[in-house]
Amino acid sequence: MDPPPSSTPASNHRHNASEPPSRVLLLIDTQVALLSEPPLGIPSSATVSQNILHVLKYARALSKPPLIIHVRN
């Protein structure tokens, strides 16, 4: 299972600085090691990875997508 993308292409999610986004999707620590199969990753890594991909796909498809921020700790 591939981890979710580490960054969001800027061309798909540009926000006007004078108009702050109405929504933000914040992803924290969705890194390769966390989403690897056990014993390195979490026990439900396959399910979590699919859920993250589903949420990202949905968010990016919106007519007004949220600002997507990936935070790595």
Protein backbone atom coordinates (compact mmCIF):
# COMPACT_ATOMS: atom_id res chain seq x y z
CA MET A 1 0.00 0.00 0.00
CA ASP A 2 1.43 3.35 -1.02
CA PRO A 3 1.20 6.19 1.50
CA PRO A 4 -0.78 9.29 0.62
CA PRO A 5 1.03 11.97 -1.34
CA SER A 6 3.47 13.96 0.75
CA SER A 7 2.38 17.26 -0.72
CA THR A 8 -0.51 18.76 -2.59
CA PRO A 9 0.19 20.09 -6.08
CA ALA A 10 0.02 23.87 -5.82
CA SER A 11 -1.69 24.16 -9.20
CA ASN A 12 -4.74 22.30 -7.89
CA HIS A 13 -5.14 24.29 -4.69
CA ARG A 14 -4.37 27.95 -5.11
CA HIS A 15 -5.95 30.32 -2.67
CA ASN A 16 -6.15 34.06 -2.99
CA ALA A 17 -4.24 35.61 -0.08
CA SER A 18 -6.93 38.26 0.29
CA GLU A 19 -9.59 35.54 0.64
CA PRO A 20 -8.65 33.03 3.32
CA PRO A 21 -9.95 29.51 2.70
CA SER A 22 -13.27 28.70 4.31
CA ARG A 23 -12.04 25.19 5.11
CA VAL A 24 -8.72 23.54 5.89
CA LEU A 25 -7.83 19.85 5.80
CA LEU A 26 -4.95 19.24 8.18
CA LEU A 27 -3.07 15.92 7.91
CA ILE A 28 -0.59 15.24 10.70
CA ASP A 29 2.11 12.54 10.60
CA THR A 30 0.79 10.59 7.61
CA GLN A 31 4.28 9.36 6.80
CA VAL A 32 5.53 6.18 5.15
CA ALA A 33 6.63 4.49 8.39
CA LEU A 34 3.29 5.12 10.11
CA LEU A 35 1.34 3.70 7.17
CA SER A 36 3.65 0.74 6.53
CA GLU A 37 2.45 -2.74 7.33
CA PRO A 38 3.06 -3.92 10.91
CA PRO A 39 5.32 -4.32 12.76
CA LEU A 40 6.80 -1.03 11.47
CA GLY A 41 3.48 0.75 10.94
CA ILE A 42 0.27 0.89 12.91
CA PRO A 43 -1.91 -2.26 13.07
CA SER A 44 -4.68 -0.85 10.86
CA SER A 45 -2.35 0.91 8.41
CA ALA A 46 -4.12 -0.36 5.27
CA THR A 47 -7.50 0.93 6.46
CA VAL A 48 -6.08 4.24 7.65
CA SER A 49 -4.21 4.75 4.38
CA GLN A 50 -7.34 4.06 2.30
CA ASN A 51 -9.36 6.45 4.48
CA ILE A 52 -6.77 9.21 4.05
CA LEU A 53 -6.74 8.71 0.28
CA HIS A 54 -10.56 8.80 0.21
CA VAL A 55 -10.70 12.06 2.21
CA LEU A 56 -8.02 13.68 0.01
CA LYS A 57 -9.76 12.63 -3.20
CA TYR A 58 -13.09 13.99 -1.94
CA ALA A 59 -11.54 17.27 -0.73
CA ARG A 60 -9.68 17.85 -4.00
CA ALA A 61 -12.82 17.21 -6.06
CA LEU A 62 -14.88 19.92 -4.34
CA SER A 63 -15.74 23.02 -6.36
CA LYS A 64 -14.06 25.05 -3.61
CA PRO A 65 -11.43 22.67 -2.23
CA PRO A 66 -10.07 23.27 1.24
CA LEU A 67 -6.51 24.35 1.84
CA ILE A 68 -4.73 21.02 2.35
CA ILE A 69 -1.84 21.09 4.81
CA HIS A 70 0.46 18.13 5.46
CA VAL A 71 2.35 18.42 8.76
CA ARG A 72 5.31 16.13 9.43
CA ASN A 73 6.51 15.76 12.96
